[in-house]
C-alpha atoms as a PDB file:
ATOM      1  CA  MET A   1     -97.130  98.803 -27.148  1.00  0.00           C
ATOM      2  CA  LYS A   2    -100.184 100.642 -25.793  1.00  0.00           C
ATOM      3  CA  LEU A   3    -100.747  98.504 -22.812  1.00  0.00           C
ATOM      4  CA  THR A   4     -96.916  99.416 -21.886  1.00  0.00           C
ATOM      5  CA  HIS A   5     -97.793 102.939 -22.030  1.00  0.00           C
ATOM      6  CA  GLN A   6    -100.895 103.182 -20.432  1.00  0.00           C
ATOM      7  CA  VAL A   7     -99.515 101.651 -17.638  1.00  0.00           C
ATOM      8  CA  GLY A   8     -95.751 103.375 -17.700  1.00  0.00           C
ATOM      9  CA  PHE A   9     -96.556 104.667 -14.210  1.00  0.00           C
ATOM     10  CA  PHE A  10     -96.344 101.338 -12.887  1.00  0.00           C
ATOM     11  CA  LEU A  11     -93.329  99.649 -14.749  1.00  0.00           C
ATOM     12  CA  PRO A  12     -90.674 100.013 -12.412  1.00  0.00           C
ATOM     13  CA  ALA A  13     -92.864  98.233  -9.898  1.00  0.00           C
ATOM     14  CA  VAL A  14     -93.586  95.589 -12.693  1.00  0.00           C
ATOM     15  CA  LEU A  15     -90.041  94.547 -13.245  1.00  0.00           C
ATOM     16  CA  ALA A  16     -89.299  94.503  -9.782  1.00  0.00           C
ATOM     17  CA  MET A  17     -91.585  92.430  -9.335  1.00  0.00           C
ATOM     18  CA  VAL A  18     -90.258  90.488 -12.463  1.00  0.00           C
ATOM     19  CA  LEU A  19     -86.763  90.186 -10.896  1.00  0.00           C
ATOM     20  CA  ALA A  20     -88.146  89.130  -7.595  1.00  0.00           C
ATOM     21  CA  LEU A  21     -89.529  85.740  -8.946  1.00  0.00           C
ATOM     22  CA  ASN A  22     -86.611  85.521 -11.054  1.00  0.00           C
ATOM     23  CA  SER A  23     -84.321  85.078  -8.197  1.00  0.00           C
ATOM     24  CA  LEU A  24     -86.898  83.073  -6.321  1.00  0.00           C
ATOM     25  CA  PHE A  25     -87.219  80.293  -9.020  1.00  0.00           C
ATOM     26  CA  ALA A  26     -83.553  80.517 -11.001  1.00  0.00           C
ATOM     27  CA  GLY A  27     -80.779  78.243  -9.379  1.00  0.00           C
ATOM     28  CA  THR A  28     -78.325  80.970 -10.685  1.00  0.00           C
ATOM     29  CA  THR A  29     -78.957  83.704  -8.164  1.00  0.00           C
ATOM     30  CA  ALA A  30     -78.693  81.760  -5.310  1.00  0.00           C
ATOM     31  CA  PRO A  31     -75.603  81.085  -3.421  1.00  0.00           C
ATOM     32  CA  PRO A  32     -74.383  77.407  -3.758  1.00  0.00           C
ATOM     33  CA  ASP A  33     -74.280  76.733   0.553  1.00  0.00           C
ATOM     34  CA  GLN A  34     -78.004  78.506   0.000  1.00  0.00           C
ATOM     35  CA  LEU A  35     -79.210  75.812  -2.370  1.00  0.00           C
ATOM     36  CA  ILE A  36     -77.826  72.784  -0.332  1.00  0.00           C
ATOM     37  CA  ARG A  37     -79.294  74.522   2.932  1.00  0.00           C
ATOM     38  CA  THR A  38     -82.549  74.754   0.950  1.00  0.00           C
ATOM     39  CA  ARG A  39     -82.601  71.180  -0.425  1.00  0.00           C
ATOM     40  CA  ASN A  40     -81.615  69.884   3.327  1.00  0.00           C
ATOM     41  CA  GLU A  41     -84.105  71.378   4.928  1.00  0.00           C
ATOM     42  CA  THR A  42     -86.880  70.501   2.662  1.00  0.00           C
ATOM     43  CA  ILE A  43     -86.171  66.723   3.150  1.00  0.00           C
ATOM     44  CA  LYS A  44     -86.010  67.278   6.516  1.00  0.00           C
ATOM     45  CA  LYS A  45     -89.228  68.701   6.550  1.00  0.00           C
ATOM     46  CA  ILE A  46     -90.624  65.598   4.984  1.00  0.00           C
ATOM     47  CA  LEU A  47     -89.300  63.353   6.977  1.00  0.00           C
ATOM     48  CA  ASP A  48     -90.419  64.970  10.247  1.00  0.00           C
ATOM     49  CA  ARG A  49     -94.110  65.168   8.570  1.00  0.00           C
ATOM     50  CA  ALA A  50     -93.765  61.313   7.818  1.00  0.00           C
ATOM     51  CA  GLY A  51     -92.442  60.397  10.975  1.00  0.00           C
ATOM     52  CA  ASP A  52     -90.992  56.566  11.466  1.00  0.00           C
ATOM     53  CA  THR A  53     -92.716  55.344   8.252  1.00  0.00           C
ATOM     54  CA  VAL A  54     -91.986  56.792   4.853  1.00  0.00           C
ATOM     55  CA  ASP A  55     -94.668  55.490   2.047  1.00  0.00           C
ATOM     56  CA  ASP A  56     -93.332  55.061  -1.506  1.00  0.00           C
ATOM     57  CA  ALA A  57     -94.968  58.158  -2.803  1.00  0.00           C
ATOM     58  CA  THR A  58     -92.714  60.187  -0.243  1.00  0.00           C
ATOM     59  CA  ARG A  59     -89.532  58.106  -1.274  1.00  0.00           C
ATOM     60  CA  GLU A  60     -90.081  58.921  -5.140  1.00  0.00           C
ATOM     61  CA  LYS A  61     -90.402  62.672  -3.961  1.00  0.00           C
ATOM     62  CA  LEU A  62     -87.340  62.217  -1.648  1.00  0.00           C
ATOM     63  CA  LYS A  63     -85.724  61.043  -4.587  1.00  0.00           C
ATOM     64  CA  ASP A  64     -86.157  63.645  -6.725  1.00  0.00           C
ATOM     65  CA  ILE A  65     -85.285  66.470  -4.241  1.00  0.00           C
ATOM     66  CA  ILE A  66     -82.014  64.787  -2.942  1.00  0.00           C
ATOM     67  CA  ASN A  67     -80.640  64.281  -6.320  1.00  0.00           C
ATOM     68  CA  GLY A  68     -82.422  67.230  -8.193  1.00  0.00           C
ATOM     69  CA  LEU A  69     -78.688  68.960  -7.548  1.00  0.00           C
ATOM     70  CA  ILE A  70     -76.555  66.597  -8.742  1.00  0.00           C
ATOM     71  CA  ASP A  71     -75.119  66.554 -12.486  1.00  0.00           C
ATOM     72  CA  PHE A  72     -75.290  62.880 -13.364  1.00  0.00           C
ATOM     73  CA  ARG A  73     -73.317  62.657 -16.536  1.00  0.00           C
ATOM     74  CA  GLU A  74     -70.151  64.719 -14.658  1.00  0.00           C
ATOM     75  CA  LEU A  75     -70.512  62.554 -11.742  1.00  0.00           C
ATOM     76  CA  SER A  76     -70.489  59.284 -14.347  1.00  0.00           C
ATOM     77  CA  ARG A  77     -67.384  60.676 -16.453  1.00  0.00           C
ATOM     78  CA  LEU A  78     -65.217  60.773 -13.126  1.00  0.00           C
ATOM     79  CA  ALA A  79     -66.611  57.793 -12.164  1.00  0.00           C
ATOM     80  CA  LEU A  80     -65.276  55.910 -15.396  1.00  0.00           C
ATOM     81  CA  GLY A  81     -62.235  58.041 -15.251  1.00  0.00           C
ATOM     82  CA  LYS A  82     -60.448  56.778 -18.367  1.00  0.00           C
ATOM     83  CA  TYR A  83     -62.553  54.513 -19.677  1.00  0.00           C
ATOM     84  CA  TRP A  84     -65.186  57.441 -20.646  1.00  0.00           C
ATOM     85  CA  ASP A  85     -63.451  58.592 -23.344  1.00  0.00           C
ATOM     86  CA  GLU A  86     -63.511  54.949 -24.627  1.00  0.00           C
ATOM     87  CA  ARG A  87     -67.201  54.487 -24.791  1.00  0.00           C
ATOM     88  CA  THR A  88     -69.532  55.889 -27.983  1.00  0.00           C
ATOM     89  CA  GLU A  89     -71.856  58.442 -27.525  1.00  0.00           C
ATOM     90  CA  GLN A  90     -74.725  56.294 -26.720  1.00  0.00           C
ATOM     91  CA  GLU A  91     -73.031  53.925 -24.549  1.00  0.00           C
ATOM     92  CA  LYS A  92     -72.294  57.069 -22.463  1.00  0.00           C
ATOM     93  CA  LYS A  93     -76.311  57.901 -22.441  1.00  0.00           C
ATOM     94  CA  ASP A  94     -76.908  54.458 -21.432  1.00  0.00           C
ATOM     95  CA  PHE A  95     -74.506  54.559 -18.529  1.00  0.00           C
ATOM     96  CA  VAL A  96     -75.233  57.817 -17.304  1.00  0.00           C
ATOM     97  CA  GLU A  97     -79.316  56.814 -16.837  1.00  0.00           C
ATOM     98  CA  VAL A  98     -78.573  53.645 -15.841  1.00  0.00           C
ATOM     99  CA  PHE A  99     -75.714  55.307 -12.824  1.00  0.00           C
ATOM    100  CA  ARG A 100     -78.343  58.049 -12.378  1.00  0.00           C
ATOM    101  CA  LYS A 101     -81.271  55.234 -11.160  1.00  0.00           C
ATOM    102  CA  LEU A 102     -78.946  53.490  -9.029  1.00  0.00           C
ATOM    103  CA  ILE A 103     -78.048  56.630  -7.177  1.00  0.00           C
ATOM    104  CA  ARG A 104     -81.800  57.679  -7.115  1.00  0.00           C
ATOM    105  CA  ASN A 105     -82.640  54.784  -5.638  1.00  0.00           C
ATOM    106  CA  SER A 106     -79.555  54.270  -2.978  1.00  0.00           C
ATOM    107  CA  SER A 107     -80.189  57.500  -1.981  1.00  0.00           C
ATOM    108  CA  VAL A 108     -83.117  56.975   0.109  1.00  0.00           C
ATOM    109  CA  LYS A 109     -81.738  53.612   2.083  1.00  0.00           C
ATOM    110  CA  LYS A 110     -79.930  56.340   5.077  1.00  0.00           C
ATOM    111  CA  LEU A 111     -82.037  59.206   5.493  1.00  0.00           C
ATOM    112  CA  GLU A 112     -80.729  59.406   8.820  1.00  0.00           C
ATOM    113  CA  ILE A 113     -78.044  61.927   8.040  1.00  0.00           C
ATOM    114  CA  TYR A 114     -81.425  64.569   7.240  1.00  0.00           C
ATOM    115  CA  ARG A 115     -82.662  64.183  10.196  1.00  0.00           C
ATOM    116  CA  ALA A 116     -79.656  65.616  11.915  1.00  0.00           C
ATOM    117  CA  ASP A 117     -80.294  67.518  15.016  1.00  0.00           C
ATOM    118  CA  ARG A 118     -78.149  70.334  13.377  1.00  0.00           C
ATOM    119  CA  ILE A 119     -76.098  71.196  10.320  1.00  0.00           C
ATOM    120  CA  VAL A 120     -73.314  73.364  10.032  1.00  0.00           C
ATOM    121  CA  TYR A 121     -72.940  75.312   6.981  1.00  0.00           C
ATOM    122  CA  GLU A 122     -69.204  76.427   6.378  1.00  0.00           C
ATOM    123  CA  LYS A 123     -68.863  79.378   4.268  1.00  0.00           C
ATOM    124  CA  PRO A 124     -68.252  78.385   0.376  1.00  0.00           C
ATOM    125  CA  VAL A 125     -65.471  78.205  -1.344  1.00  0.00           C
ATOM    126  CA  ILE A 126     -66.010  79.604  -4.928  1.00  0.00           C
ATOM    127  CA  LYS A 127     -63.488  79.823  -7.983  1.00  0.00           C
ATOM    128  CA  GLY A 128     -65.117  81.042 -10.965  1.00  0.00           C
ATOM    129  CA  ASP A 129     -67.808  78.023 -12.563  1.00  0.00           C
ATOM    130  CA  LYS A 130     -66.873  76.130  -9.398  1.00  0.00           C
ATOM    131  CA  ALA A 131     -67.708  75.801  -5.879  1.00  0.00           C
ATOM    132  CA  THR A 132     -67.116  73.493  -2.476  1.00  0.00           C
ATOM    133  CA  VAL A 133     -69.332  73.605   0.211  1.00  0.00           C
ATOM    134  CA  THR A 134     -68.588  71.777   3.188  1.00  0.00           C
ATOM    135  CA  THR A 135     -71.793  70.805   5.749  1.00  0.00           C
ATOM    136  CA  VAL A 136     -71.077  69.222   9.374  1.00  0.00           C
ATOM    137  CA  ALA A 137     -74.651  67.466  10.288  1.00  0.00           C
ATOM    138  CA  TYR A 138     -74.613  66.289  14.100  1.00  0.00           C
ATOM    139  CA  LYS A 139     -76.586  64.099  15.549  1.00  0.00           C
ATOM    140  CA  GLY A 140     -75.690  62.957  19.131  1.00  0.00           C
ATOM    141  CA  ARG A 141     -72.266  62.428  19.598  1.00  0.00           C
ATOM    142  CA  LYS A 142     -71.939  61.914  16.304  1.00  0.00           C
ATOM    143  CA  SER A 143     -71.215  63.768  13.610  1.00  0.00           C
ATOM    144  CA  VAL A 144     -70.599  63.445   9.412  1.00  0.00           C
ATOM    145  CA  GLU A 145     -69.092  65.538   7.108  1.00  0.00           C
ATOM    146  CA  ILE A 146     -69.791  65.882   3.868  1.00  0.00           C
ATOM    147  CA  VAL A 147     -67.774  68.198   0.941  1.00  0.00           C
ATOM    148  CA  TYR A 148     -70.305  69.579  -1.700  1.00  0.00           C
ATOM    149  CA  LYS A 149     -68.043  69.758  -4.830  1.00  0.00           C
ATOM    150  CA  MET A 150     -70.349  71.974  -7.160  1.00  0.00           C
ATOM    151  CA  HIS A 151     -70.036  73.435 -10.798  1.00  0.00           C
ATOM    152  CA  LYS A 152     -72.166  75.586 -13.134  1.00  0.00           C
ATOM    153  CA  VAL A 153     -73.996  73.873 -15.766  1.00  0.00           C
ATOM    154  CA  GLU A 154     -75.964  76.369 -18.128  1.00  0.00           C
ATOM    155  CA  GLY A 155     -75.790  78.703 -15.299  1.00  0.00           C
ATOM    156  CA  GLU A 156     -77.030  76.770 -12.385  1.00  0.00           C
ATOM    157  CA  TRP A 157     -74.878  75.365  -9.661  1.00  0.00           C
ATOM    158  CA  LYS A 158     -74.755  71.599  -9.576  1.00  0.00           C
ATOM    159  CA  VAL A 159     -72.945  69.022  -7.631  1.00  0.00           C
ATOM    160  CA  TYR A 160     -70.322  66.967  -9.562  1.00  0.00           C
ATOM    161  CA  ASP A 161     -69.275  65.044  -6.321  1.00  0.00           C
ATOM    162  CA  MET A 162     -69.398  64.269  -2.907  1.00  0.00           C
ATOM    163  CA  VAL A 163     -66.360  63.921  -0.244  1.00  0.00           C
ATOM    164  CA  ILE A 164     -68.063  62.122   3.022  1.00  0.00           C
ATOM    165  CA  ASP A 165     -65.894  61.763   5.724  1.00  0.00           C
ATOM    166  CA  GLY A 166     -62.857  62.446   3.478  1.00  0.00           C
ATOM    167  CA  LEU A 167     -64.137  59.207   0.967  1.00  0.00           C
ATOM    168  CA  SER A 168     -65.129  61.132  -2.306  1.00  0.00           C
ATOM    169  CA  THR A 169     -68.028  59.458  -3.666  1.00  0.00           C
ATOM    170  CA  ALA A 170     -67.091  59.576  -7.718  1.00  0.00           C
ATOM    171  CA  ARG A 171     -63.606  58.022  -6.654  1.00  0.00           C
ATOM    172  CA  ASN A 172     -65.001  55.538  -4.450  1.00  0.00           C
ATOM    173  CA  TYR A 173     -67.201  54.629  -7.545  1.00  0.00           C
ATOM    174  CA  ARG A 174     -64.356  54.708  -9.791  1.00  0.00           C
ATOM    175  CA  ASP A 175     -62.156  52.161  -7.956  1.00  0.00           C
ATOM    176  CA  SER A 176     -64.956  49.538  -7.836  1.00  0.00           C
ATOM    177  CA  PHE A 177     -65.538  50.293 -11.720  1.00  0.00           C
ATOM    178  CA  TYR A 178     -61.469  49.939 -12.549  1.00  0.00           C
ATOM    179  CA  ARG A 179     -61.549  46.469 -10.849  1.00  0.00           C
ATOM    180  CA  GLN A 180     -64.480  45.369 -12.274  1.00  0.00           C
ATOM    181  CA  ILE A 181     -63.490  46.457 -15.813  1.00  0.00           C
ATOM    182  CA  ALA A 182     -59.796  45.067 -15.002  1.00  0.00           C
ATOM    183  CA  LYS A 183     -61.198  41.605 -14.355  1.00  0.00           C
ATOM    184  CA  THR A 184     -63.642  41.029 -17.080  1.00  0.00           C
ATOM    185  CA  SER A 185     -64.586  44.399 -19.275  1.00  0.00           C
ATOM    186  CA  TYR A 186     -66.921  47.355 -19.670  1.00  0.00           C
ATOM    187  CA  GLN A 187     -69.836  45.254 -20.981  1.00  0.00           C
ATOM    188  CA  GLU A 188     -69.630  43.043 -17.979  1.00  0.00           C
ATOM    189  CA  MET A 189     -69.454  45.850 -15.613  1.00  0.00           C
ATOM    190  CA  TYR A 190     -72.484  47.296 -17.317  1.00  0.00           C
ATOM    191  CA  ASN A 191     -74.484  44.522 -17.420  1.00  0.00           C
ATOM    192  CA  LYS A 192     -73.765  44.012 -13.703  1.00  0.00           C
ATOM    193  CA  LEU A 193     -75.097  47.372 -13.332  1.00  0.00           C
ATOM    194  CA  VAL A 194     -78.444  46.999 -15.221  1.00  0.00           C
ATOM    195  CA  LYS A 195     -78.652  43.423 -13.549  1.00  0.00           C
ATOM    196  CA  ARG A 196     -78.773  45.321 -10.165  1.00  0.00           C
ATOM    197  CA  LEU A 197     -81.315  48.017 -10.876  1.00  0.00           C
ATOM    198  CA  LYS A 198     -83.607  45.355 -12.211  1.00  0.00           C
ATOM    199  CA  GLU A 199     -83.279  43.609  -8.796  1.00  0.00           C
ATOM    200  CA  GLN A 200     -83.753  46.506  -6.551  1.00  0.00           C
END
């Protein structure tokens, strides 16, 4: 308390600095489209520095950045659909972990989207704790639309689905999982995911 009284004159400035730092590091203060924009710009800078050759260390760094905004538990829940509630809590944890690693590994297989000539960010549509961010990436005469479906998790905006040129990531995986489970069983489907992960 003594220190507070001694620097009372500077307290407003100190508080302003703290608030500024909180705004810089807290995901809750940034609009959802700004989070996507910052992520994409960071990835592009890394790729520009790397050039045509992306080494293993850079790939790992890119995996962290690309997937840092994804809520893998919610994406997993949507991907399993009706089979999610049938799983035990341990089965859910195991599935999320394997699914997360598979997506992380596949996320650096096609990096050209981040080398786009330009990316247009539409104004986000925010309804309560949910938001939709639409982006269109242009490369030459080609364009790709990516719609990020986001929601707040513990106060932070997270992506729970990506719709790429009209194709939902969650639904695409769900259709595949449903077909596999219908042919065999959930356990067989899960075992194939684990095997695929080990082969990557």
